N, C-alpha and C. Protein backbone atom coordinates (compact mmCIF):
# COMPACT_ATOMS: atom_id res chain seq x y z
N VAL A 1 5.54 7.36 -7.67
CA VAL A 1 4.72 6.37 -8.35
C VAL A 1 5.64 5.42 -9.13
N LYS A 2 6.64 5.99 -9.78
CA LYS A 2 7.58 5.17 -10.55
C LYS A 2 8.28 4.14 -9.65
N GLU A 3 8.66 4.53 -8.46
CA GLU A 3 9.32 3.62 -7.52
C GLU A 3 8.38 2.49 -7.10
N VAL A 4 7.14 2.81 -6.84
CA VAL A 4 6.16 1.80 -6.43
C VAL A 4 5.88 0.84 -7.58
N LEU A 5 5.67 1.37 -8.77
CA LEU A 5 5.41 0.52 -9.94
C LEU A 5 6.56 -0.45 -10.18
N ALA A 6 7.78 0.04 -10.05
CA ALA A 6 8.95 -0.80 -10.29
C ALA A 6 9.09 -1.92 -9.27
N ALA A 7 8.52 -1.74 -8.09
CA ALA A 7 8.67 -2.71 -7.01
C ALA A 7 7.69 -3.88 -7.09
N ILE A 8 6.63 -3.73 -7.86
CA ILE A 8 5.58 -4.75 -7.91
C ILE A 8 5.82 -5.68 -9.11
N PRO A 9 5.95 -6.98 -8.86
CA PRO A 9 6.20 -7.92 -9.96
C PRO A 9 5.03 -8.00 -10.94
N ASP A 10 5.32 -8.29 -12.18
CA ASP A 10 4.30 -8.40 -13.23
C ASP A 10 3.19 -9.35 -12.82
N GLY A 11 1.96 -8.94 -13.11
CA GLY A 11 0.80 -9.80 -12.88
C GLY A 11 0.38 -9.98 -11.44
N ALA A 12 0.98 -9.24 -10.53
CA ALA A 12 0.68 -9.41 -9.10
C ALA A 12 -0.72 -8.88 -8.77
N THR A 13 -1.35 -9.52 -7.80
CA THR A 13 -2.56 -8.97 -7.19
C THR A 13 -2.09 -8.09 -6.05
N VAL A 14 -2.66 -6.89 -5.95
CA VAL A 14 -2.14 -5.89 -5.03
C VAL A 14 -3.23 -5.35 -4.12
N LEU A 15 -2.92 -5.25 -2.84
CA LEU A 15 -3.77 -4.59 -1.85
C LEU A 15 -3.14 -3.23 -1.58
N ASP A 16 -3.88 -2.16 -1.87
CA ASP A 16 -3.39 -0.79 -1.67
C ASP A 16 -4.12 -0.20 -0.48
N LEU A 17 -3.40 0.02 0.61
CA LEU A 17 -3.99 0.54 1.84
C LEU A 17 -3.71 2.03 2.00
N TYR A 18 -4.69 2.76 2.51
CA TYR A 18 -4.65 4.21 2.61
C TYR A 18 -4.48 4.77 1.19
N ALA A 19 -5.33 4.30 0.28
CA ALA A 19 -5.17 4.50 -1.16
C ALA A 19 -5.51 5.90 -1.67
N GLY A 20 -6.21 6.69 -0.89
CA GLY A 20 -6.61 8.00 -1.40
C GLY A 20 -7.45 7.83 -2.66
N ALA A 21 -7.21 8.67 -3.65
CA ALA A 21 -7.95 8.63 -4.91
C ALA A 21 -7.33 7.66 -5.91
N GLY A 22 -6.30 6.92 -5.46
CA GLY A 22 -5.72 5.91 -6.34
C GLY A 22 -4.37 6.27 -6.93
N LEU A 23 -3.60 7.08 -6.24
CA LEU A 23 -2.29 7.49 -6.74
C LEU A 23 -1.46 6.30 -7.19
N PHE A 24 -1.49 5.22 -6.44
CA PHE A 24 -0.74 4.01 -6.81
C PHE A 24 -1.65 2.97 -7.46
N ALA A 25 -2.88 2.83 -6.98
CA ALA A 25 -3.80 1.80 -7.47
C ALA A 25 -4.08 1.94 -8.96
N LEU A 26 -4.34 3.15 -9.41
CA LEU A 26 -4.71 3.35 -10.82
C LEU A 26 -3.55 3.03 -11.77
N PRO A 27 -2.34 3.55 -11.54
CA PRO A 27 -1.24 3.16 -12.44
C PRO A 27 -0.92 1.66 -12.38
N LEU A 28 -1.08 1.05 -11.21
CA LEU A 28 -0.86 -0.40 -11.11
C LEU A 28 -1.90 -1.15 -11.95
N ALA A 29 -3.16 -0.72 -11.88
CA ALA A 29 -4.21 -1.36 -12.67
C ALA A 29 -3.95 -1.16 -14.17
N LEU A 30 -3.50 0.02 -14.55
CA LEU A 30 -3.18 0.27 -15.96
C LEU A 30 -2.03 -0.60 -16.44
N ARG A 31 -1.16 -0.99 -15.53
CA ARG A 31 -0.05 -1.89 -15.86
C ARG A 31 -0.46 -3.35 -15.94
N GLY A 32 -1.72 -3.64 -15.60
CA GLY A 32 -2.21 -5.01 -15.71
C GLY A 32 -2.37 -5.75 -14.40
N HIS A 33 -2.09 -5.07 -13.29
CA HIS A 33 -2.29 -5.68 -11.98
C HIS A 33 -3.76 -5.63 -11.60
N THR A 34 -4.17 -6.55 -10.74
CA THR A 34 -5.50 -6.50 -10.14
C THR A 34 -5.32 -5.89 -8.76
N VAL A 35 -6.05 -4.79 -8.50
CA VAL A 35 -5.83 -4.00 -7.29
C VAL A 35 -7.12 -3.83 -6.51
N VAL A 36 -7.03 -4.00 -5.19
CA VAL A 36 -8.09 -3.62 -4.28
C VAL A 36 -7.53 -2.47 -3.46
N ALA A 37 -8.22 -1.33 -3.53
CA ALA A 37 -7.77 -0.11 -2.87
C ALA A 37 -8.71 0.22 -1.71
N ILE A 38 -8.14 0.41 -0.53
CA ILE A 38 -8.92 0.72 0.67
C ILE A 38 -8.65 2.18 1.05
N GLU A 39 -9.73 2.93 1.22
CA GLU A 39 -9.63 4.35 1.59
C GLU A 39 -10.88 4.74 2.34
N GLU A 40 -10.72 5.46 3.46
CA GLU A 40 -11.87 5.84 4.26
C GLU A 40 -12.58 7.10 3.75
N ASN A 41 -11.88 7.96 3.03
CA ASN A 41 -12.45 9.21 2.54
C ASN A 41 -13.34 8.93 1.32
N LYS A 42 -14.64 9.10 1.51
CA LYS A 42 -15.59 8.76 0.45
C LYS A 42 -15.42 9.64 -0.79
N ALA A 43 -15.05 10.89 -0.61
CA ALA A 43 -14.82 11.77 -1.77
C ALA A 43 -13.62 11.28 -2.58
N ALA A 44 -12.57 10.85 -1.89
CA ALA A 44 -11.39 10.32 -2.59
C ALA A 44 -11.74 9.04 -3.34
N VAL A 45 -12.55 8.18 -2.73
CA VAL A 45 -12.99 6.95 -3.39
C VAL A 45 -13.81 7.28 -4.63
N ALA A 46 -14.71 8.26 -4.52
CA ALA A 46 -15.52 8.67 -5.67
C ALA A 46 -14.61 9.18 -6.79
N ASP A 47 -13.59 9.95 -6.44
CA ASP A 47 -12.63 10.43 -7.45
C ASP A 47 -11.89 9.26 -8.09
N GLY A 48 -11.47 8.30 -7.28
CA GLY A 48 -10.78 7.13 -7.81
C GLY A 48 -11.66 6.33 -8.75
N GLU A 49 -12.91 6.14 -8.36
CA GLU A 49 -13.84 5.40 -9.22
C GLU A 49 -14.11 6.16 -10.52
N GLY A 50 -14.18 7.49 -10.42
CA GLY A 50 -14.31 8.29 -11.64
C GLY A 50 -13.10 8.15 -12.53
N SER A 51 -11.93 8.09 -11.94
CA SER A 51 -10.70 7.93 -12.72
C SER A 51 -10.64 6.56 -13.40
N ILE A 52 -11.22 5.55 -12.77
CA ILE A 52 -11.29 4.23 -13.40
C ILE A 52 -12.07 4.34 -14.71
N ARG A 53 -13.21 5.05 -14.65
CA ARG A 53 -14.03 5.20 -15.85
C ARG A 53 -13.32 6.07 -16.89
N LEU A 54 -12.80 7.21 -16.45
CA LEU A 54 -12.12 8.12 -17.39
C LEU A 54 -10.88 7.48 -18.01
N GLY A 55 -10.17 6.70 -17.22
CA GLY A 55 -8.95 6.06 -17.70
C GLY A 55 -9.21 4.78 -18.47
N ARG A 56 -10.49 4.41 -18.56
CA ARG A 56 -10.90 3.18 -19.27
C ARG A 56 -10.13 1.96 -18.76
N ILE A 57 -10.04 1.90 -17.45
CA ILE A 57 -9.40 0.75 -16.81
C ILE A 57 -10.39 -0.41 -16.86
N ARG A 58 -9.92 -1.53 -17.32
CA ARG A 58 -10.78 -2.70 -17.52
C ARG A 58 -11.54 -3.08 -16.25
N ASP A 59 -12.80 -3.48 -16.42
CA ASP A 59 -13.63 -3.91 -15.28
C ASP A 59 -12.92 -4.98 -14.47
N GLY A 60 -12.98 -4.84 -13.16
CA GLY A 60 -12.39 -5.82 -12.26
C GLY A 60 -10.91 -5.63 -12.02
N ARG A 61 -10.28 -4.71 -12.75
CA ARG A 61 -8.84 -4.51 -12.59
C ARG A 61 -8.53 -3.69 -11.34
N CYS A 62 -9.42 -2.77 -10.97
CA CYS A 62 -9.22 -1.94 -9.78
C CYS A 62 -10.56 -1.73 -9.09
N ARG A 63 -10.59 -2.05 -7.81
CA ARG A 63 -11.81 -1.91 -7.02
C ARG A 63 -11.49 -1.12 -5.76
N PHE A 64 -12.31 -0.11 -5.50
CA PHE A 64 -12.15 0.69 -4.28
C PHE A 64 -13.14 0.21 -3.23
N ILE A 65 -12.68 0.22 -1.98
CA ILE A 65 -13.54 -0.07 -0.84
C ILE A 65 -13.48 1.15 0.08
N ALA A 66 -14.64 1.77 0.31
CA ALA A 66 -14.71 2.98 1.13
C ALA A 66 -14.88 2.60 2.59
N LYS A 67 -13.77 2.32 3.24
CA LYS A 67 -13.76 1.98 4.67
C LYS A 67 -12.42 2.40 5.25
N ARG A 68 -12.41 2.58 6.55
CA ARG A 68 -11.13 2.76 7.24
C ARG A 68 -10.36 1.46 7.08
N VAL A 69 -9.07 1.56 6.90
CA VAL A 69 -8.23 0.37 6.76
C VAL A 69 -8.46 -0.57 7.93
N GLU A 70 -8.53 -0.01 9.13
CA GLU A 70 -8.72 -0.83 10.33
C GLU A 70 -10.03 -1.61 10.28
N MET A 71 -11.07 -1.02 9.72
CA MET A 71 -12.37 -1.69 9.61
C MET A 71 -12.35 -2.73 8.49
N ALA A 72 -11.71 -2.41 7.39
CA ALA A 72 -11.65 -3.33 6.25
C ALA A 72 -10.88 -4.59 6.59
N LEU A 73 -9.89 -4.46 7.48
CA LEU A 73 -9.05 -5.59 7.85
C LEU A 73 -9.50 -6.26 9.14
N ASP A 74 -10.59 -5.80 9.71
CA ASP A 74 -11.09 -6.35 10.97
C ASP A 74 -11.28 -7.86 10.83
N ALA A 75 -11.10 -8.56 11.92
CA ALA A 75 -11.18 -10.03 11.92
C ALA A 75 -12.52 -10.55 11.39
N GLY A 76 -13.56 -9.73 11.47
CA GLY A 76 -14.86 -10.17 10.99
C GLY A 76 -15.04 -10.08 9.48
N THR A 77 -14.07 -9.49 8.78
CA THR A 77 -14.19 -9.36 7.32
C THR A 77 -13.45 -10.49 6.62
N ARG A 78 -13.77 -10.68 5.36
CA ARG A 78 -13.10 -11.72 4.58
C ARG A 78 -11.85 -11.19 3.87
N LEU A 79 -11.63 -9.88 3.94
CA LEU A 79 -10.47 -9.30 3.29
C LEU A 79 -9.22 -9.62 4.11
N THR A 80 -8.26 -10.25 3.46
CA THR A 80 -7.02 -10.59 4.15
C THR A 80 -5.85 -10.40 3.19
N ALA A 81 -4.75 -9.93 3.70
CA ALA A 81 -3.56 -9.70 2.87
C ALA A 81 -3.00 -11.01 2.32
N ARG A 82 -3.36 -12.12 2.93
CA ARG A 82 -2.83 -13.42 2.49
C ARG A 82 -3.24 -13.77 1.07
N THR A 83 -4.32 -13.17 0.59
CA THR A 83 -4.80 -13.49 -0.76
C THR A 83 -4.17 -12.61 -1.83
N PHE A 84 -3.22 -11.76 -1.45
CA PHE A 84 -2.56 -10.84 -2.39
C PHE A 84 -1.08 -11.19 -2.52
N ASP A 85 -0.53 -10.88 -3.69
CA ASP A 85 0.91 -11.09 -3.93
C ASP A 85 1.74 -9.96 -3.34
N ALA A 86 1.13 -8.77 -3.26
CA ALA A 86 1.86 -7.59 -2.78
C ALA A 86 0.90 -6.64 -2.08
N VAL A 87 1.46 -5.82 -1.22
CA VAL A 87 0.69 -4.78 -0.54
C VAL A 87 1.45 -3.46 -0.65
N VAL A 88 0.69 -2.39 -0.88
CA VAL A 88 1.23 -1.04 -0.86
C VAL A 88 0.61 -0.35 0.35
N LEU A 89 1.46 0.14 1.24
CA LEU A 89 1.00 0.87 2.41
C LEU A 89 1.46 2.32 2.26
N ASP A 90 0.55 3.20 1.90
CA ASP A 90 0.86 4.63 1.83
C ASP A 90 0.44 5.20 3.18
N ALA A 91 1.29 4.97 4.14
CA ALA A 91 0.96 5.19 5.55
C ALA A 91 0.62 6.65 5.87
N PRO A 92 -0.30 6.82 6.83
CA PRO A 92 -0.54 8.18 7.34
C PRO A 92 0.72 8.71 8.02
N ARG A 93 0.78 10.02 8.22
CA ARG A 93 1.97 10.64 8.81
C ARG A 93 2.37 9.97 10.13
N GLU A 94 1.39 9.57 10.93
CA GLU A 94 1.70 8.95 12.23
C GLU A 94 2.07 7.48 12.10
N GLY A 95 2.09 6.97 10.87
CA GLY A 95 2.44 5.57 10.65
C GLY A 95 1.21 4.69 10.78
N CYS A 96 1.43 3.40 10.75
CA CYS A 96 0.34 2.42 10.83
C CYS A 96 0.17 1.94 12.26
N ALA A 97 -1.06 1.63 12.60
CA ALA A 97 -1.32 1.03 13.91
C ALA A 97 -0.58 -0.30 13.96
N PRO A 98 0.02 -0.65 15.09
CA PRO A 98 0.76 -1.91 15.18
C PRO A 98 -0.05 -3.13 14.75
N TRP A 99 -1.32 -3.20 15.13
CA TRP A 99 -2.11 -4.38 14.77
C TRP A 99 -2.39 -4.43 13.27
N VAL A 100 -2.42 -3.25 12.58
CA VAL A 100 -2.58 -3.25 11.13
C VAL A 100 -1.35 -3.89 10.49
N LEU A 101 -0.17 -3.50 10.96
CA LEU A 101 1.06 -4.10 10.43
C LEU A 101 1.08 -5.60 10.69
N ASP A 102 0.69 -6.01 11.89
CA ASP A 102 0.67 -7.44 12.22
C ASP A 102 -0.33 -8.20 11.36
N ARG A 103 -1.49 -7.60 11.13
CA ARG A 103 -2.53 -8.26 10.34
C ARG A 103 -2.11 -8.37 8.87
N VAL A 104 -1.52 -7.31 8.32
CA VAL A 104 -1.17 -7.28 6.91
C VAL A 104 0.14 -8.02 6.63
N LEU A 105 1.12 -7.82 7.49
CA LEU A 105 2.45 -8.37 7.24
C LEU A 105 2.84 -9.46 8.22
N GLY A 106 1.85 -10.02 8.87
CA GLY A 106 2.10 -11.12 9.79
C GLY A 106 2.30 -12.42 9.05
N GLU A 107 2.16 -13.50 9.77
CA GLU A 107 2.35 -14.82 9.18
C GLU A 107 1.44 -15.01 7.97
N GLY A 108 2.03 -15.45 6.88
CA GLY A 108 1.27 -15.67 5.65
C GLY A 108 1.04 -14.41 4.85
N GLY A 109 1.69 -13.32 5.23
CA GLY A 109 1.55 -12.06 4.49
C GLY A 109 2.12 -12.16 3.09
N PRO A 110 1.86 -11.17 2.27
CA PRO A 110 2.32 -11.21 0.88
C PRO A 110 3.83 -11.25 0.75
N ALA A 111 4.30 -11.75 -0.38
CA ALA A 111 5.73 -11.88 -0.63
C ALA A 111 6.42 -10.53 -0.73
N ARG A 112 5.69 -9.50 -1.13
CA ARG A 112 6.28 -8.19 -1.35
C ARG A 112 5.43 -7.12 -0.71
N ALA A 113 6.09 -6.12 -0.13
CA ALA A 113 5.39 -4.97 0.45
C ALA A 113 6.14 -3.71 0.05
N VAL A 114 5.39 -2.66 -0.20
CA VAL A 114 5.98 -1.35 -0.46
C VAL A 114 5.37 -0.39 0.55
N TYR A 115 6.22 0.20 1.37
CA TYR A 115 5.77 1.11 2.42
C TYR A 115 6.20 2.51 2.01
N VAL A 116 5.23 3.41 1.88
CA VAL A 116 5.51 4.80 1.51
C VAL A 116 5.25 5.65 2.74
N SER A 117 6.24 6.44 3.12
CA SER A 117 6.14 7.22 4.35
C SER A 117 6.55 8.67 4.12
N CYS A 118 5.87 9.57 4.82
CA CYS A 118 6.24 10.98 4.77
C CYS A 118 6.84 11.45 6.11
N ASP A 119 7.10 10.50 7.00
CA ASP A 119 7.64 10.87 8.32
C ASP A 119 8.73 9.88 8.73
N PRO A 120 9.98 10.32 8.77
CA PRO A 120 11.09 9.41 9.10
C PRO A 120 10.95 8.72 10.46
N GLU A 121 10.40 9.40 11.45
CA GLU A 121 10.28 8.79 12.78
C GLU A 121 9.28 7.64 12.79
N SER A 122 8.09 7.86 12.21
CA SER A 122 7.11 6.77 12.19
C SER A 122 7.57 5.65 11.25
N LEU A 123 8.30 6.01 10.21
CA LEU A 123 8.86 4.99 9.31
C LEU A 123 9.83 4.09 10.07
N ALA A 124 10.73 4.67 10.83
CA ALA A 124 11.70 3.88 11.59
C ALA A 124 11.00 2.95 12.58
N ARG A 125 10.01 3.48 13.28
CA ARG A 125 9.25 2.67 14.25
C ARG A 125 8.55 1.50 13.55
N ASP A 126 7.86 1.79 12.43
CA ASP A 126 7.12 0.75 11.73
C ASP A 126 8.05 -0.27 11.08
N LEU A 127 9.17 0.17 10.53
CA LEU A 127 10.12 -0.78 9.93
C LEU A 127 10.70 -1.74 10.97
N ALA A 128 10.92 -1.26 12.18
CA ALA A 128 11.40 -2.14 13.24
C ALA A 128 10.39 -3.27 13.48
N ARG A 129 9.12 -2.94 13.48
CA ARG A 129 8.08 -3.95 13.69
C ARG A 129 7.96 -4.88 12.48
N ILE A 130 8.01 -4.31 11.27
CA ILE A 130 7.87 -5.09 10.04
C ILE A 130 9.00 -6.09 9.89
N THR A 131 10.23 -5.67 10.17
CA THR A 131 11.36 -6.59 10.01
C THR A 131 11.33 -7.72 11.04
N LYS A 132 10.71 -7.46 12.18
CA LYS A 132 10.55 -8.54 13.18
C LYS A 132 9.47 -9.53 12.75
N ARG A 133 8.64 -9.15 11.78
CA ARG A 133 7.56 -10.02 11.30
C ARG A 133 8.02 -10.87 10.11
N GLY A 134 9.30 -10.84 9.77
CA GLY A 134 9.81 -11.71 8.72
C GLY A 134 10.07 -11.05 7.38
N TYR A 135 10.10 -9.74 7.35
CA TYR A 135 10.39 -9.02 6.10
C TYR A 135 11.79 -8.43 6.14
N ALA A 136 12.42 -8.39 4.98
CA ALA A 136 13.74 -7.78 4.84
C ALA A 136 13.61 -6.57 3.93
N ILE A 137 14.36 -5.53 4.25
CA ILE A 137 14.37 -4.33 3.42
C ILE A 137 15.21 -4.61 2.18
N GLU A 138 14.58 -4.46 1.04
CA GLU A 138 15.27 -4.66 -0.24
C GLU A 138 15.87 -3.35 -0.74
N SER A 139 15.11 -2.27 -0.61
CA SER A 139 15.61 -0.96 -1.01
C SER A 139 14.84 0.13 -0.26
N MET A 140 15.48 1.28 -0.17
CA MET A 140 14.88 2.43 0.49
C MET A 140 15.28 3.67 -0.32
N GLN A 141 14.27 4.34 -0.88
CA GLN A 141 14.54 5.48 -1.74
C GLN A 141 13.85 6.74 -1.22
N PRO A 142 14.63 7.71 -0.75
CA PRO A 142 14.01 8.99 -0.38
C PRO A 142 13.65 9.76 -1.66
N VAL A 143 12.53 10.47 -1.60
CA VAL A 143 12.08 11.28 -2.73
C VAL A 143 11.74 12.65 -2.19
N ASP A 144 12.45 13.67 -2.67
CA ASP A 144 12.24 15.03 -2.19
C ASP A 144 11.11 15.67 -2.98
N MET A 145 9.90 15.58 -2.44
CA MET A 145 8.72 16.11 -3.11
C MET A 145 8.52 17.60 -2.82
N PHE A 146 9.14 18.09 -1.78
CA PHE A 146 8.92 19.46 -1.34
C PHE A 146 10.26 20.15 -1.10
N PRO A 147 10.95 20.54 -2.17
CA PRO A 147 12.26 21.17 -2.01
C PRO A 147 12.21 22.38 -1.08
N HIS A 148 13.30 22.59 -0.40
CA HIS A 148 13.47 23.71 0.53
C HIS A 148 12.59 23.60 1.77
N THR A 149 12.13 22.37 2.07
CA THR A 149 11.41 22.10 3.32
C THR A 149 12.04 20.85 3.92
N PRO A 150 11.77 20.57 5.19
CA PRO A 150 12.33 19.35 5.79
C PRO A 150 11.55 18.09 5.44
N HIS A 151 10.47 18.22 4.65
CA HIS A 151 9.61 17.07 4.34
C HIS A 151 10.20 16.21 3.23
N ILE A 152 10.14 14.91 3.45
CA ILE A 152 10.65 13.97 2.44
C ILE A 152 9.77 12.72 2.45
N GLU A 153 9.51 12.19 1.28
CA GLU A 153 8.81 10.91 1.15
C GLU A 153 9.87 9.82 1.05
N THR A 154 9.57 8.65 1.56
CA THR A 154 10.49 7.52 1.45
C THR A 154 9.70 6.32 0.98
N VAL A 155 10.24 5.65 -0.05
CA VAL A 155 9.62 4.43 -0.57
C VAL A 155 10.52 3.27 -0.17
N VAL A 156 9.96 2.36 0.63
CA VAL A 156 10.72 1.21 1.11
C VAL A 156 10.12 -0.06 0.49
N VAL A 157 10.97 -0.83 -0.18
CA VAL A 157 10.54 -2.09 -0.77
C VAL A 157 10.99 -3.21 0.16
N LEU A 158 10.04 -4.06 0.53
CA LEU A 158 10.31 -5.15 1.46
C LEU A 158 9.93 -6.48 0.82
N ARG A 159 10.65 -7.50 1.17
CA ARG A 159 10.29 -8.84 0.70
C ARG A 159 10.23 -9.76 1.91
N ARG A 160 9.32 -10.71 1.81
CA ARG A 160 9.19 -11.69 2.90
C ARG A 160 10.42 -12.55 2.90
N ALA A 161 11.16 -12.52 4.00
CA ALA A 161 12.40 -13.30 4.13
C ALA A 161 12.11 -14.68 4.67
N THR A 162 11.05 -14.80 5.46
CA THR A 162 10.70 -16.09 6.05
C THR A 162 9.23 -16.36 5.85
N ARG A 163 8.86 -17.60 5.83
CA ARG A 163 7.44 -17.98 5.69
C ARG A 163 7.01 -18.70 6.93
């Protein structure tokens, strides 16, 4: 969480994809960012909304949308990454669908992206696609969340290199 918070510029509007109960969205909102969090698990969304109330996060600072990321970003919706300064992708183990990456980080995508991955193989595949879409890797920080196992989380900070 500390790595993600440090990567988002002050006052940024943030799109948090695969948000769960708000692991990143809630601390970002507490820091003063305006966050839209997308998560398909309705129980996780309910927990996140409860945390907004318990944490006394100001109205409008964090909003959850209970939909699959793919559905929330569908061409028929008005939600687009272009209206955000930054995006946080806490990708599923298998990584992001290629069209999700293209839709979120394609032409006109946000200036900053933070990709959190728990699988080095899907991370490598997705980063190859992301860097071809005009983003440069600014930093990559592995975080050993599960000592004595082969599992590792990686936080990758990306910036739009081309517009």
